[in-house]
Amino acid sequence: MNPRDPARTDRSGFPHLDGLAQTRIQELVALAMPLRSLRRTGRRPLPFNGETLATVCGVTPSLPFWYEINVHRTVVGSYLTDVRLFNKTADELDLFWVQEHDELEDAVAYLERYDPAGDVTPPRQVAEIASSPVELALRIARLQLRVDQITQHYRALVGDLLNTLSQADHQAGAKPAA
């Protein structure tokens, strides 16, 4: 066998195995390799192999932000929650929060307990000295409005996501009619 034979270099993996074994090895390698990667704020992306169970996205033209919430099941049986906050203005960063959970119930509990108010960044003018108590009160009221909007938006999406998960679970558990 000539090691410089081009036909030999075309076969990846274990060249001494037949074509069927080569194909099976390639399938196993594909299953073992992460197919997706989730962005995470302040951390490296999280690679994983699995499927998306539910996704909700709430783009509302009147709001300067929107959430996207995803629940994934990995091939090893764990669950990932992926909460993304996108801001329409360039001066605010998008946020990506990913958590791993052993059970779907843990993922659901995490989404229900998640506090979106923590995603609100106070505008710079709040930290500046207000020229009057009225101006300071207006700044605080604007910040409170933003917290209220982001919380309502997130809670509505979580409700939609839980409904989607419930329907998927119900359909998976339904038995076909005889």
N, C-alpha and C. Protein backbone atom coordinates (compact mmCIF):
# COMPACT_ATOMS: atom_id res chain seq x y z
N MET A 1 0.85 -1.17 0.00
CA MET A 1 0.00 0.00 0.00
C MET A 1 0.90 1.24 0.00
N ASN A 2 0.66 2.15 -0.93
CA ASN A 2 1.46 3.36 -1.05
C ASN A 2 0.90 4.44 -0.13
N PRO A 3 1.69 4.97 0.85
CA PRO A 3 1.18 5.99 1.76
C PRO A 3 0.87 7.30 1.07
N ARG A 4 1.39 7.51 -0.12
CA ARG A 4 1.12 8.74 -0.85
C ARG A 4 -0.04 8.60 -1.83
N ASP A 5 -0.71 7.50 -1.78
CA ASP A 5 -1.85 7.26 -2.65
C ASP A 5 -2.98 8.21 -2.27
N PRO A 6 -3.49 9.04 -3.21
CA PRO A 6 -4.55 10.00 -2.87
C PRO A 6 -5.83 9.34 -2.39
N ALA A 7 -6.13 8.15 -2.86
CA ALA A 7 -7.34 7.46 -2.41
C ALA A 7 -7.25 7.16 -0.91
N ARG A 8 -6.03 6.88 -0.44
CA ARG A 8 -5.83 6.58 0.98
C ARG A 8 -6.07 7.83 1.83
N THR A 9 -5.64 9.00 1.39
CA THR A 9 -5.79 10.23 2.18
C THR A 9 -7.23 10.74 2.17
N ASP A 10 -8.05 10.28 1.24
CA ASP A 10 -9.45 10.71 1.21
C ASP A 10 -10.26 10.06 2.33
N ARG A 11 -9.78 8.98 2.88
CA ARG A 11 -10.52 8.26 3.92
C ARG A 11 -10.08 8.77 5.29
N SER A 12 -10.97 9.46 5.96
CA SER A 12 -10.66 9.97 7.29
C SER A 12 -10.88 8.89 8.33
N GLY A 13 -10.42 9.14 9.55
CA GLY A 13 -10.67 8.21 10.64
C GLY A 13 -9.68 7.07 10.64
N PHE A 14 -10.20 5.87 10.51
CA PHE A 14 -9.39 4.67 10.58
C PHE A 14 -9.37 4.02 9.19
N PRO A 15 -8.31 4.26 8.41
CA PRO A 15 -8.29 3.80 7.02
C PRO A 15 -8.29 2.29 6.86
N HIS A 16 -7.95 1.55 7.91
CA HIS A 16 -7.92 0.09 7.80
C HIS A 16 -9.31 -0.54 7.92
N LEU A 17 -10.33 0.25 8.29
CA LEU A 17 -11.68 -0.28 8.43
C LEU A 17 -12.45 -0.16 7.13
N ASP A 18 -13.45 -1.02 6.97
CA ASP A 18 -14.26 -0.98 5.75
C ASP A 18 -15.18 0.25 5.75
N GLY A 19 -15.87 0.48 4.66
CA GLY A 19 -16.71 1.66 4.48
C GLY A 19 -17.84 1.75 5.49
N LEU A 20 -18.49 0.61 5.83
CA LEU A 20 -19.57 0.61 6.80
C LEU A 20 -19.08 1.02 8.18
N ALA A 21 -17.93 0.51 8.59
CA ALA A 21 -17.36 0.87 9.89
C ALA A 21 -16.96 2.35 9.89
N GLN A 22 -16.41 2.82 8.78
CA GLN A 22 -16.04 4.24 8.65
C GLN A 22 -17.27 5.14 8.82
N THR A 23 -18.35 4.75 8.18
CA THR A 23 -19.59 5.52 8.27
C THR A 23 -20.10 5.55 9.70
N ARG A 24 -20.08 4.41 10.38
CA ARG A 24 -20.57 4.34 11.77
C ARG A 24 -19.70 5.19 12.70
N ILE A 25 -18.39 5.18 12.49
CA ILE A 25 -17.49 6.01 13.30
C ILE A 25 -17.79 7.48 13.08
N GLN A 26 -18.02 7.86 11.84
CA GLN A 26 -18.35 9.26 11.54
C GLN A 26 -19.67 9.67 12.21
N GLU A 27 -20.64 8.76 12.22
CA GLU A 27 -21.92 9.05 12.90
C GLU A 27 -21.71 9.23 14.40
N LEU A 28 -20.91 8.38 15.01
CA LEU A 28 -20.64 8.48 16.45
C LEU A 28 -19.88 9.76 16.79
N VAL A 29 -18.93 10.12 15.96
CA VAL A 29 -18.18 11.36 16.17
C VAL A 29 -19.12 12.55 16.06
N ALA A 30 -20.03 12.53 15.09
CA ALA A 30 -20.98 13.63 14.94
C ALA A 30 -21.89 13.75 16.16
N LEU A 31 -22.28 12.61 16.75
CA LEU A 31 -23.12 12.65 17.95
C LEU A 31 -22.35 13.18 19.15
N ALA A 32 -21.07 12.88 19.21
CA ALA A 32 -20.26 13.28 20.36
C ALA A 32 -19.85 14.75 20.29
N MET A 33 -19.77 15.30 19.10
CA MET A 33 -19.32 16.68 18.95
C MET A 33 -20.49 17.64 19.18
N PRO A 34 -20.21 18.74 19.86
CA PRO A 34 -21.27 19.74 20.04
C PRO A 34 -21.71 20.30 18.70
N LEU A 35 -23.01 20.31 18.50
CA LEU A 35 -23.55 20.83 17.25
C LEU A 35 -23.91 22.29 17.36
N ARG A 36 -24.08 22.77 18.60
CA ARG A 36 -24.53 24.14 18.80
C ARG A 36 -23.69 24.78 19.90
N SER A 37 -23.77 26.08 19.92
CA SER A 37 -23.06 26.83 20.94
C SER A 37 -23.94 27.99 21.38
N LEU A 38 -24.05 28.18 22.69
CA LEU A 38 -24.89 29.26 23.22
C LEU A 38 -24.00 30.36 23.77
N ARG A 39 -24.27 31.59 23.34
CA ARG A 39 -23.54 32.74 23.86
C ARG A 39 -23.89 32.92 25.33
N ARG A 40 -22.88 33.37 26.12
CA ARG A 40 -23.08 33.65 27.53
C ARG A 40 -22.40 34.96 27.87
N THR A 41 -23.09 35.82 28.56
CA THR A 41 -22.53 37.11 28.95
C THR A 41 -21.41 36.90 29.96
N GLY A 42 -20.25 37.46 29.64
CA GLY A 42 -19.11 37.40 30.55
C GLY A 42 -18.41 36.06 30.62
N ARG A 43 -18.79 35.13 29.79
CA ARG A 43 -18.20 33.79 29.81
C ARG A 43 -18.02 33.29 28.39
N ARG A 44 -17.30 32.21 28.26
CA ARG A 44 -17.13 31.59 26.94
C ARG A 44 -18.45 30.95 26.52
N PRO A 45 -18.66 30.81 25.22
CA PRO A 45 -19.88 30.13 24.75
C PRO A 45 -19.95 28.70 25.30
N LEU A 46 -21.16 28.22 25.48
CA LEU A 46 -21.38 26.86 25.98
C LEU A 46 -21.74 25.94 24.81
N PRO A 47 -20.83 25.03 24.45
CA PRO A 47 -21.16 24.09 23.37
C PRO A 47 -22.03 22.96 23.91
N PHE A 48 -22.97 22.51 23.11
CA PHE A 48 -23.80 21.38 23.52
C PHE A 48 -24.37 20.69 22.30
N ASN A 49 -24.80 19.48 22.53
CA ASN A 49 -25.44 18.68 21.50
C ASN A 49 -26.81 18.31 22.05
N GLY A 50 -27.85 18.69 21.34
CA GLY A 50 -29.19 18.39 21.81
C GLY A 50 -30.24 19.02 20.94
N GLU A 51 -31.44 19.10 21.50
CA GLU A 51 -32.56 19.64 20.75
C GLU A 51 -33.23 20.77 21.53
N THR A 52 -33.88 21.65 20.80
CA THR A 52 -34.64 22.73 21.42
C THR A 52 -36.05 22.23 21.68
N LEU A 53 -36.48 22.32 22.94
CA LEU A 53 -37.82 21.88 23.30
C LEU A 53 -38.85 22.99 23.09
N ALA A 54 -38.47 24.22 23.40
CA ALA A 54 -39.41 25.34 23.27
C ALA A 54 -38.64 26.64 23.12
N THR A 55 -39.20 27.55 22.34
CA THR A 55 -38.63 28.87 22.13
C THR A 55 -39.76 29.88 22.10
N VAL A 56 -39.56 31.01 22.76
CA VAL A 56 -40.48 32.14 22.63
C VAL A 56 -39.64 33.39 22.43
N CYS A 57 -40.18 34.29 21.63
CA CYS A 57 -39.50 35.54 21.35
C CYS A 57 -40.56 36.63 21.31
N GLY A 58 -40.31 37.72 21.99
CA GLY A 58 -41.33 38.76 22.08
C GLY A 58 -40.86 40.11 21.59
N VAL A 59 -40.75 40.27 20.28
CA VAL A 59 -40.39 41.56 19.73
C VAL A 59 -41.64 42.43 19.71
N THR A 60 -41.57 43.54 20.42
CA THR A 60 -42.68 44.49 20.50
C THR A 60 -42.16 45.84 20.02
N PRO A 61 -42.72 46.39 18.93
CA PRO A 61 -42.19 47.64 18.38
C PRO A 61 -42.16 48.80 19.37
N SER A 62 -43.07 48.84 20.31
CA SER A 62 -43.12 49.97 21.24
C SER A 62 -42.09 49.88 22.37
N LEU A 63 -41.48 48.72 22.56
CA LEU A 63 -40.49 48.56 23.62
C LEU A 63 -39.07 48.64 23.06
N PRO A 64 -38.13 49.21 23.82
CA PRO A 64 -36.75 49.33 23.34
C PRO A 64 -35.92 48.06 23.58
N PHE A 65 -36.56 46.95 23.86
CA PHE A 65 -35.87 45.69 24.15
C PHE A 65 -36.82 44.54 23.83
N TRP A 66 -36.29 43.33 23.83
CA TRP A 66 -37.13 42.13 23.77
C TRP A 66 -36.36 40.95 24.32
N TYR A 67 -37.10 39.99 24.83
CA TYR A 67 -36.52 38.75 25.34
C TYR A 67 -36.74 37.63 24.35
N GLU A 68 -35.80 36.70 24.36
CA GLU A 68 -35.96 35.41 23.70
C GLU A 68 -35.60 34.37 24.77
N ILE A 69 -36.47 33.40 24.96
CA ILE A 69 -36.25 32.38 25.98
C ILE A 69 -36.32 31.01 25.30
N ASN A 70 -35.32 30.17 25.59
CA ASN A 70 -35.23 28.84 24.99
C ASN A 70 -35.01 27.80 26.08
N VAL A 71 -35.57 26.62 25.86
CA VAL A 71 -35.28 25.46 26.71
C VAL A 71 -34.78 24.36 25.78
N HIS A 72 -33.61 23.82 26.12
CA HIS A 72 -32.98 22.77 25.31
C HIS A 72 -32.81 21.52 26.16
N ARG A 73 -32.85 20.36 25.50
CA ARG A 73 -32.52 19.09 26.16
C ARG A 73 -31.25 18.58 25.49
N THR A 74 -30.24 18.27 26.30
CA THR A 74 -28.98 17.78 25.75
C THR A 74 -29.06 16.27 25.51
N VAL A 75 -28.13 15.74 24.75
CA VAL A 75 -28.13 14.30 24.47
C VAL A 75 -27.82 13.48 25.72
N VAL A 76 -27.24 14.11 26.74
CA VAL A 76 -26.96 13.38 27.99
C VAL A 76 -28.13 13.47 28.97
N GLY A 77 -29.21 14.16 28.58
CA GLY A 77 -30.41 14.19 29.40
C GLY A 77 -30.56 15.38 30.31
N SER A 78 -29.63 16.32 30.30
CA SER A 78 -29.80 17.53 31.11
C SER A 78 -30.57 18.57 30.29
N TYR A 79 -30.92 19.65 30.94
CA TYR A 79 -31.70 20.71 30.30
C TYR A 79 -30.96 22.03 30.42
N LEU A 80 -31.08 22.86 29.41
CA LEU A 80 -30.47 24.19 29.41
C LEU A 80 -31.56 25.23 29.27
N THR A 81 -31.49 26.26 30.10
CA THR A 81 -32.35 27.43 29.90
C THR A 81 -31.45 28.52 29.32
N ASP A 82 -31.97 29.20 28.33
CA ASP A 82 -31.22 30.21 27.59
C ASP A 82 -32.10 31.47 27.53
N VAL A 83 -31.78 32.45 28.38
CA VAL A 83 -32.55 33.69 28.45
C VAL A 83 -31.71 34.78 27.80
N ARG A 84 -32.26 35.39 26.76
CA ARG A 84 -31.54 36.43 26.02
C ARG A 84 -32.33 37.73 26.05
N LEU A 85 -31.64 38.81 26.37
CA LEU A 85 -32.25 40.14 26.33
C LEU A 85 -31.54 40.93 25.24
N PHE A 86 -32.32 41.37 24.26
CA PHE A 86 -31.79 42.17 23.17
C PHE A 86 -32.27 43.61 23.33
N ASN A 87 -31.36 44.55 23.22
CA ASN A 87 -31.68 45.97 23.32
C ASN A 87 -31.61 46.60 21.93
N LYS A 88 -32.54 47.48 21.64
CA LYS A 88 -32.59 48.13 20.33
C LYS A 88 -31.60 49.28 20.21
N THR A 89 -31.13 49.80 21.35
CA THR A 89 -30.19 50.91 21.30
C THR A 89 -28.76 50.38 21.37
N ALA A 90 -27.85 51.07 20.69
CA ALA A 90 -26.47 50.62 20.62
C ALA A 90 -25.71 50.83 21.93
N ASP A 91 -26.18 51.73 22.78
CA ASP A 91 -25.44 52.01 24.02
C ASP A 91 -25.74 51.00 25.13
N GLU A 92 -26.68 50.08 24.91
CA GLU A 92 -26.97 49.04 25.90
C GLU A 92 -26.58 47.68 25.33
N LEU A 93 -25.93 46.89 26.16
CA LEU A 93 -25.46 45.58 25.72
C LEU A 93 -26.59 44.55 25.74
N ASP A 94 -26.52 43.60 24.81
CA ASP A 94 -27.41 42.45 24.85
C ASP A 94 -26.89 41.49 25.92
N LEU A 95 -27.79 40.77 26.56
CA LEU A 95 -27.41 39.87 27.64
C LEU A 95 -27.81 38.45 27.30
N PHE A 96 -26.98 37.49 27.69
CA PHE A 96 -27.20 36.08 27.39
C PHE A 96 -26.92 35.26 28.65
N TRP A 97 -27.98 34.71 29.25
CA TRP A 97 -27.86 33.94 30.49
C TRP A 97 -28.24 32.49 30.22
N VAL A 98 -27.31 31.58 30.45
CA VAL A 98 -27.53 30.15 30.22
C VAL A 98 -27.29 29.40 31.52
N GLN A 99 -28.22 28.52 31.87
CA GLN A 99 -28.10 27.69 33.07
C GLN A 99 -28.38 26.24 32.70
N GLU A 100 -27.66 25.33 33.35
CA GLU A 100 -27.89 23.90 33.14
C GLU A 100 -28.67 23.34 34.32
N HIS A 101 -29.59 22.43 34.03
CA HIS A 101 -30.47 21.83 35.04
C HIS A 101 -30.53 20.32 34.82
N ASP A 102 -30.66 19.59 35.92
CA ASP A 102 -30.76 18.13 35.82
C ASP A 102 -32.12 17.67 35.32
N GLU A 103 -33.17 18.37 35.73
CA GLU A 103 -34.54 17.97 35.40
C GLU A 103 -35.27 19.13 34.73
N LEU A 104 -36.27 18.82 33.94
CA LEU A 104 -37.08 19.85 33.29
C LEU A 104 -37.79 20.71 34.34
N GLU A 105 -38.23 20.09 35.43
CA GLU A 105 -38.90 20.84 36.49
C GLU A 105 -37.97 21.89 37.09
N ASP A 106 -36.67 21.57 37.20
CA ASP A 106 -35.69 22.53 37.71
C ASP A 106 -35.56 23.71 36.74
N ALA A 107 -35.57 23.42 35.45
CA ALA A 107 -35.48 24.48 34.44
C ALA A 107 -36.69 25.39 34.51
N VAL A 108 -37.87 24.79 34.66
CA VAL A 108 -39.11 25.57 34.76
C VAL A 108 -39.08 26.44 36.02
N ALA A 109 -38.65 25.87 37.13
CA ALA A 109 -38.58 26.63 38.38
C ALA A 109 -37.60 27.80 38.24
N TYR A 110 -36.49 27.57 37.57
CA TYR A 110 -35.52 28.64 37.35
C TYR A 110 -36.15 29.79 36.55
N LEU A 111 -36.85 29.45 35.48
CA LEU A 111 -37.48 30.48 34.65
C LEU A 111 -38.55 31.24 35.42
N GLU A 112 -39.27 30.55 36.29
CA GLU A 112 -40.30 31.21 37.10
C GLU A 112 -39.68 32.13 38.16
N ARG A 113 -38.53 31.78 38.67
CA ARG A 113 -37.87 32.59 39.71
C ARG A 113 -36.97 33.69 39.14
N TYR A 114 -36.64 33.59 37.88
CA TYR A 114 -35.71 34.56 37.26
C TYR A 114 -36.26 35.98 37.44
N ASP A 115 -35.40 36.90 37.87
CA ASP A 115 -35.82 38.28 38.10
C ASP A 115 -35.29 39.17 36.98
N PRO A 116 -36.13 39.53 36.02
CA PRO A 116 -35.68 40.35 34.91
C PRO A 116 -35.30 41.78 35.31
N ALA A 117 -35.70 42.21 36.49
CA ALA A 117 -35.32 43.56 36.94
C ALA A 117 -33.80 43.67 37.05
N GLY A 118 -33.12 42.57 37.28
CA GLY A 118 -31.66 42.57 37.33
C GLY A 118 -31.02 42.84 35.98
N ASP A 119 -31.78 42.75 34.91
CA ASP A 119 -31.26 43.03 33.57
C ASP A 119 -31.34 44.51 33.20
N VAL A 120 -31.96 45.31 34.05
CA VAL A 120 -32.11 46.74 33.77
C VAL A 120 -30.84 47.46 34.23
N THR A 121 -30.24 48.18 33.32
CA THR A 121 -29.08 48.99 33.64
C THR A 121 -29.54 50.43 33.79
N PRO A 122 -29.26 51.04 34.94
CA PRO A 122 -29.70 52.43 35.11
C PRO A 122 -29.00 53.34 34.09
N PRO A 123 -29.72 54.27 33.51
CA PRO A 123 -29.08 55.20 32.58
C PRO A 123 -28.07 56.08 33.32
N ARG A 124 -27.10 56.59 32.58
CA ARG A 124 -26.05 57.40 33.20
C ARG A 124 -26.59 58.62 33.93
N GLN A 125 -27.65 59.23 33.40
CA GLN A 125 -28.13 60.46 34.02
C GLN A 125 -28.71 60.23 35.42
N VAL A 126 -29.07 58.99 35.77
CA VAL A 126 -29.57 58.72 37.12
C VAL A 126 -28.45 58.95 38.13
N ALA A 127 -27.22 58.59 37.75
CA ALA A 127 -26.09 58.77 38.66
C ALA A 127 -25.64 60.23 38.76
N GLU A 128 -25.96 61.02 37.77
CA GLU A 128 -25.58 62.44 37.81
C GLU A 128 -26.42 63.18 38.83
N ILE A 129 -25.89 64.24 39.33
CA ILE A 129 -26.60 65.05 40.32
C ILE A 129 -27.78 65.75 39.64
N ALA A 130 -28.94 65.56 40.21
CA ALA A 130 -30.15 66.18 39.67
C ALA A 130 -30.18 67.65 40.09
N SER A 131 -30.68 68.48 39.19
CA SER A 131 -30.73 69.91 39.50
C SER A 131 -31.87 70.23 40.46
N SER A 132 -32.84 69.33 40.56
CA SER A 132 -33.95 69.57 41.47
C SER A 132 -34.54 68.23 41.92
N PRO A 133 -35.27 68.26 43.03
CA PRO A 133 -35.93 67.02 43.47
C PRO A 133 -36.93 66.49 42.43
N VAL A 134 -37.57 67.40 41.68
CA VAL A 134 -38.53 66.98 40.66
C VAL A 134 -37.81 66.21 39.55
N GLU A 135 -36.64 66.70 39.12
CA GLU A 135 -35.88 66.01 38.07
C GLU A 135 -35.44 64.63 38.56
N LEU A 136 -35.00 64.54 39.79
CA LEU A 136 -34.61 63.26 40.36
C LEU A 136 -35.80 62.30 40.41
N ALA A 137 -36.96 62.82 40.80
CA ALA A 137 -38.17 61.99 40.85
C ALA A 137 -38.54 61.49 39.46
N LEU A 138 -38.39 62.32 38.43
CA LEU A 138 -38.68 61.91 37.05
C LEU A 138 -37.72 60.81 36.60
N ARG A 139 -36.45 60.95 36.94
CA ARG A 139 -35.46 59.92 36.57
C ARG A 139 -35.81 58.59 37.23
N ILE A 140 -36.17 58.64 38.49
CA ILE A 140 -36.53 57.42 39.22
C ILE A 140 -37.80 56.81 38.63
N ALA A 141 -38.77 57.66 38.27
CA ALA A 141 -40.02 57.16 37.68
C ALA A 141 -39.75 56.48 36.34
N ARG A 142 -38.85 57.06 35.51
CA ARG A 142 -38.49 56.43 34.23
C ARG A 142 -37.84 55.07 34.44
N LEU A 143 -36.95 55.01 35.43
CA LEU A 143 -36.28 53.75 35.73
C LEU A 143 -37.29 52.71 36.23
N GLN A 144 -38.22 53.12 37.07
CA GLN A 144 -39.25 52.20 37.56
C GLN A 144 -40.14 51.71 36.43
N LEU A 145 -40.47 52.61 35.49
CA LEU A 145 -41.26 52.22 34.32
C LEU A 145 -40.53 51.16 33.51
N ARG A 146 -39.23 51.34 33.32
CA ARG A 146 -38.44 50.36 32.57
C ARG A 146 -38.45 49.01 33.28
N VAL A 147 -38.28 49.01 34.60
CA VAL A 147 -38.31 47.77 35.37
C VAL A 147 -39.66 47.09 35.22
N ASP A 148 -40.73 47.87 35.33
CA ASP A 148 -42.08 47.31 35.18
C ASP A 148 -42.30 46.73 33.79
N GLN A 149 -41.86 47.45 32.75
CA GLN A 149 -42.03 46.97 31.37
C GLN A 149 -41.27 45.68 31.14
N ILE A 150 -40.02 45.63 31.59
CA ILE A 150 -39.19 44.45 31.34
C ILE A 150 -39.73 43.24 32.12
N THR A 151 -40.23 43.49 33.32
CA THR A 151 -40.79 42.40 34.13
C THR A 151 -42.07 41.85 33.51
N GLN A 152 -42.96 42.72 33.09
CA GLN A 152 -44.20 42.27 32.45
C GLN A 152 -43.92 41.52 31.16
N HIS A 153 -42.99 42.04 30.37
CA HIS A 153 -42.63 41.41 29.10
C HIS A 153 -42.08 40.00 29.34
N TYR A 154 -41.16 39.89 30.28
CA TYR A 154 -40.56 38.59 30.58
C TYR A 154 -41.60 37.61 31.10
N ARG A 155 -42.43 38.04 32.04
CA ARG A 155 -43.43 37.14 32.64
C ARG A 155 -44.42 36.63 31.58
N ALA A 156 -44.82 37.50 30.66
CA ALA A 156 -45.74 37.07 29.59
C ALA A 156 -45.07 36.00 28.71
N LEU A 157 -43.79 36.19 28.41
CA LEU A 157 -43.09 35.20 27.58
C LEU A 157 -42.91 33.88 28.31
N VAL A 158 -42.62 33.93 29.60
CA VAL A 158 -42.48 32.69 30.36
C VAL A 158 -43.81 31.94 30.37
N GLY A 159 -44.92 32.66 30.50
CA GLY A 159 -46.23 32.02 30.43
C GLY A 159 -46.44 31.32 29.09
N ASP A 160 -46.07 31.98 28.00
CA ASP A 160 -46.17 31.37 26.67
C ASP A 160 -45.26 30.14 26.56
N LEU A 161 -44.05 30.25 27.09
CA LEU A 161 -43.10 29.14 27.02
C LEU A 161 -43.61 27.94 27.81
N LEU A 162 -44.13 28.18 29.01
CA LEU A 162 -44.66 27.07 29.82
C LEU A 162 -45.87 26.42 29.15
N ASN A 163 -46.68 27.22 28.49
CA ASN A 163 -47.81 26.67 27.73
C ASN A 163 -47.30 25.80 26.58
N THR A 164 -46.27 26.25 25.89
CA THR A 164 -45.69 25.47 24.78
C THR A 164 -45.12 24.16 25.30
N LEU A 165 -44.38 24.22 26.42
CA LEU A 165 -43.82 22.99 27.00
C LEU A 165 -44.93 22.03 27.43
N SER A 166 -45.99 22.56 28.02
CA SER A 166 -47.10 21.74 28.47
C SER A 166 -47.80 21.05 27.30
N GLN A 167 -48.01 21.80 26.22
CA GLN A 167 -48.64 21.21 25.04
C GLN A 167 -47.76 20.14 24.42
N ALA A 168 -46.45 20.38 24.37
CA ALA A 168 -45.53 19.39 23.81
C ALA A 168 -45.52 18.13 24.68
N ASP A 169 -45.56 18.30 26.00
CA ASP A 169 -45.58 17.17 26.92
C ASP A 169 -46.88 16.39 26.77
N HIS A 170 -47.99 17.12 26.63
CA HIS A 170 -49.29 16.48 26.46
C HIS A 170 -49.35 15.68 25.15
N GLN A 171 -48.81 16.25 24.08
CA GLN A 171 -48.82 15.55 22.78
C GLN A 171 -47.90 14.35 22.81
N ALA A 172 -46.78 14.45 23.52
CA ALA A 172 -45.85 13.31 23.61
C ALA A 172 -46.47 12.18 24.42
N GLY A 173 -47.30 12.53 25.41
CA GLY A 173 -47.91 11.50 26.26
C GLY A 173 -49.21 10.97 25.71
N ALA A 174 -49.75 11.62 24.68
CA ALA A 174 -51.04 11.17 24.12
C ALA A 174 -50.84 9.86 23.36
N LYS A 175 -51.79 8.99 23.54
CA LYS A 175 -51.74 7.70 22.84
C LYS A 175 -52.58 7.81 21.57
N PRO A 176 -52.09 7.21 20.49
CA PRO A 176 -52.86 7.25 19.25
C PRO A 176 -54.18 6.51 19.40
N ALA A 177 -55.19 7.01 18.71
CA ALA A 177 -56.52 6.39 18.75
C ALA A 177 -56.48 5.04 18.05
N ALA A 178 -57.20 4.07 18.63
CA ALA A 178 -57.21 2.73 18.06
C ALA A 178 -58.21 2.62 16.95
